[in-house]
Amino acid sequence: MTPSRTTNTKQIRRDLVGFLRSLSDGQPVTVLYRSKPLITIAAGPSEPIYQAPDAGTPAALKRSLALVRSLSPRPTRLDPVKSFKDLYDETQSL
């Protein structure tokens, strides 16, 4: 495992873009808050995990719409006759 670099939250606030660029080499970075380790982060894969070959095309849009239309509608749980106060009171008793 590669040792991680360290930075603090103040440096990240001062230069967020530079910090994000420094993550691109894949080396983990430990973020310190008040001189104590807060979190260790590293850049993820630069490519999407899955992307359809026709993503962003009209064919992909049609496929997505067909999927949505094929889903069964969910029954409404809220009574449209009740007031907001009645609905709120019901959620508080759950």
C-alpha atoms as a PDB file:
ATOM      1  CA  MET A   1       0.000   0.000   0.000  1.00  0.00           C
ATOM      2  CA  THR A   2       1.282   3.465  -0.899  1.00  0.00           C
ATOM      3  CA  PRO A   3       1.748   5.855   1.999  1.00  0.00           C
ATOM      4  CA  SER A   4      -0.727   8.689   1.874  1.00  0.00           C
ATOM      5  CA  ARG A   5       0.061  12.369   1.716  1.00  0.00           C
ATOM      6  CA  THR A   6      -1.492  14.667   4.276  1.00  0.00           C
ATOM      7  CA  THR A   7      -3.240  17.991   3.963  1.00  0.00           C
ATOM      8  CA  ASN A   8      -5.521  19.976   6.206  1.00  0.00           C
ATOM      9  CA  THR A   9      -9.005  21.339   5.698  1.00  0.00           C
ATOM     10  CA  LYS A  10      -7.727  24.918   5.548  1.00  0.00           C
ATOM     11  CA  GLN A  11      -5.487  24.113   2.569  1.00  0.00           C
ATOM     12  CA  ILE A  12      -8.372  22.358   0.820  1.00  0.00           C
ATOM     13  CA  ARG A  13     -10.670  25.365   1.307  1.00  0.00           C
ATOM     14  CA  ARG A  14      -7.960  27.669   0.003  1.00  0.00           C
ATOM     15  CA  ASP A  15      -7.248  25.627  -3.153  1.00  0.00           C
ATOM     16  CA  LEU A  16      -9.985  23.058  -3.809  1.00  0.00           C
ATOM     17  CA  VAL A  17      -9.240  22.777  -7.526  1.00  0.00           C
ATOM     18  CA  GLY A  18      -5.556  22.161  -6.856  1.00  0.00           C
ATOM     19  CA  PHE A  19      -6.424  19.559  -4.231  1.00  0.00           C
ATOM     20  CA  LEU A  20      -8.722  17.709  -6.641  1.00  0.00           C
ATOM     21  CA  ARG A  21      -6.041  17.785  -9.341  1.00  0.00           C
ATOM     22  CA  SER A  22      -3.527  16.319  -6.887  1.00  0.00           C
ATOM     23  CA  LEU A  23      -5.838  13.352  -6.333  1.00  0.00           C
ATOM     24  CA  SER A  24      -5.659  12.434 -10.015  1.00  0.00           C
ATOM     25  CA  ASP A  25      -2.390  10.513  -9.595  1.00  0.00           C
ATOM     26  CA  GLY A  26      -4.230   7.931  -7.452  1.00  0.00           C
ATOM     27  CA  GLN A  27      -2.176   8.383  -4.287  1.00  0.00           C
ATOM     28  CA  PRO A  28      -4.395   8.486  -1.179  1.00  0.00           C
ATOM     29  CA  VAL A  29      -4.543  11.727   0.792  1.00  0.00           C
ATOM     30  CA  THR A  30      -5.222  11.921   4.525  1.00  0.00           C
ATOM     31  CA  VAL A  31      -7.161  15.047   5.477  1.00  0.00           C
ATOM     32  CA  LEU A  32      -6.363  16.468   8.896  1.00  0.00           C
ATOM     33  CA  TYR A  33      -8.767  18.505  11.009  1.00  0.00           C
ATOM     34  CA  ARG A  34      -7.205  20.240  13.988  1.00  0.00           C
ATOM     35  CA  SER A  35      -4.048  18.161  13.452  1.00  0.00           C
ATOM     36  CA  LYS A  36      -5.942  14.873  13.751  1.00  0.00           C
ATOM     37  CA  PRO A  37      -6.676  12.508  10.845  1.00  0.00           C
ATOM     38  CA  LEU A  38     -10.249  13.022   9.687  1.00  0.00           C
ATOM     39  CA  ILE A  39     -10.504  10.937   6.510  1.00  0.00           C
ATOM     40  CA  THR A  40      -8.322   9.288   3.881  1.00  0.00           C
ATOM     41  CA  ILE A  41      -9.499   9.669   0.303  1.00  0.00           C
ATOM     42  CA  ALA A  42      -8.270   8.633  -3.129  1.00  0.00           C
ATOM     43  CA  ALA A  43      -9.497   9.215  -6.638  1.00  0.00           C
ATOM     44  CA  GLY A  44     -11.821   6.582  -8.069  1.00  0.00           C
ATOM     45  CA  PRO A  45     -11.688   5.140 -11.556  1.00  0.00           C
ATOM     46  CA  SER A  46     -11.593   7.815 -14.221  1.00  0.00           C
ATOM     47  CA  GLU A  47     -13.968   5.885 -16.491  1.00  0.00           C
ATOM     48  CA  PRO A  48     -17.571   5.139 -15.669  1.00  0.00           C
ATOM     49  CA  ILE A  49     -18.101   1.609 -14.399  1.00  0.00           C
ATOM     50  CA  TYR A  50     -20.791   0.946 -17.016  1.00  0.00           C
ATOM     51  CA  GLN A  51     -21.963   3.035 -19.884  1.00  0.00           C
ATOM     52  CA  ALA A  52     -24.194   1.819 -22.676  1.00  0.00           C
ATOM     53  CA  PRO A  53     -22.515   2.148 -26.070  1.00  0.00           C
ATOM     54  CA  ASP A  54     -25.362   4.352 -27.298  1.00  0.00           C
ATOM     55  CA  ALA A  55     -25.652   6.520 -24.157  1.00  0.00           C
ATOM     56  CA  GLY A  56     -27.008   9.978 -24.879  1.00  0.00           C
ATOM     57  CA  THR A  57     -28.642   9.020 -28.165  1.00  0.00           C
ATOM     58  CA  PRO A  58     -32.343   9.078 -29.024  1.00  0.00           C
ATOM     59  CA  ALA A  59     -32.338   5.252 -29.002  1.00  0.00           C
ATOM     60  CA  ALA A  60     -31.134   5.215 -25.389  1.00  0.00           C
ATOM     61  CA  LEU A  61     -33.797   7.757 -24.432  1.00  0.00           C
ATOM     62  CA  LYS A  62     -36.518   5.647 -26.044  1.00  0.00           C
ATOM     63  CA  ARG A  63     -35.231   2.577 -24.196  1.00  0.00           C
ATOM     64  CA  SER A  64     -35.329   4.440 -20.869  1.00  0.00           C
ATOM     65  CA  LEU A  65     -38.851   5.718 -21.509  1.00  0.00           C
ATOM     66  CA  ALA A  66     -40.022   2.211 -22.408  1.00  0.00           C
ATOM     67  CA  LEU A  67     -38.588   0.928 -19.136  1.00  0.00           C
ATOM     68  CA  VAL A  68     -40.358   3.627 -17.114  1.00  0.00           C
ATOM     69  CA  ARG A  69     -43.659   2.964 -18.863  1.00  0.00           C
ATOM     70  CA  SER A  70     -43.353  -0.781 -18.190  1.00  0.00           C
ATOM     71  CA  LEU A  71     -43.123  -0.252 -14.423  1.00  0.00           C
ATOM     72  CA  SER A  72     -46.326  -0.747 -12.495  1.00  0.00           C
ATOM     73  CA  PRO A  73     -47.693   2.423 -10.874  1.00  0.00           C
ATOM     74  CA  ARG A  74     -47.392   2.696  -7.118  1.00  0.00           C
ATOM     75  CA  PRO A  75     -50.557   3.218  -5.123  1.00  0.00           C
ATOM     76  CA  THR A  76     -50.809   6.596  -3.447  1.00  0.00           C
ATOM     77  CA  ARG A  77     -50.491   6.367   0.307  1.00  0.00           C
ATOM     78  CA  LEU A  78     -51.680   9.875   1.071  1.00  0.00           C
ATOM     79  CA  ASP A  79     -55.336  10.756   1.259  1.00  0.00           C
ATOM     80  CA  PRO A  80     -55.892  13.822  -0.962  1.00  0.00           C
ATOM     81  CA  VAL A  81     -58.855  14.912   1.173  1.00  0.00           C
ATOM     82  CA  LYS A  82     -56.785  15.358   4.366  1.00  0.00           C
ATOM     83  CA  SER A  83     -55.206  18.652   5.338  1.00  0.00           C
ATOM     84  CA  PHE A  84     -51.454  19.164   5.660  1.00  0.00           C
ATOM     85  CA  LYS A  85     -51.822  19.158   9.429  1.00  0.00           C
ATOM     86  CA  ASP A  86     -53.603  15.779   9.393  1.00  0.00           C
ATOM     87  CA  LEU A  87     -50.952  14.314   7.102  1.00  0.00           C
ATOM     88  CA  TYR A  88     -48.181  15.716   9.292  1.00  0.00           C
ATOM     89  CA  ASP A  89     -49.809  14.287  12.427  1.00  0.00           C
ATOM     90  CA  GLU A  90     -49.981  10.858  10.746  1.00  0.00           C
ATOM     91  CA  THR A  91     -46.261  10.899   9.959  1.00  0.00           C
ATOM     92  CA  GLN A  92     -45.454  11.765  13.565  1.00  0.00           C
ATOM     93  CA  SER A  93     -47.325   8.741  14.866  1.00  0.00           C
ATOM     94  CA  LEU A  94     -45.443   6.219  12.688  1.00  0.00           C
END
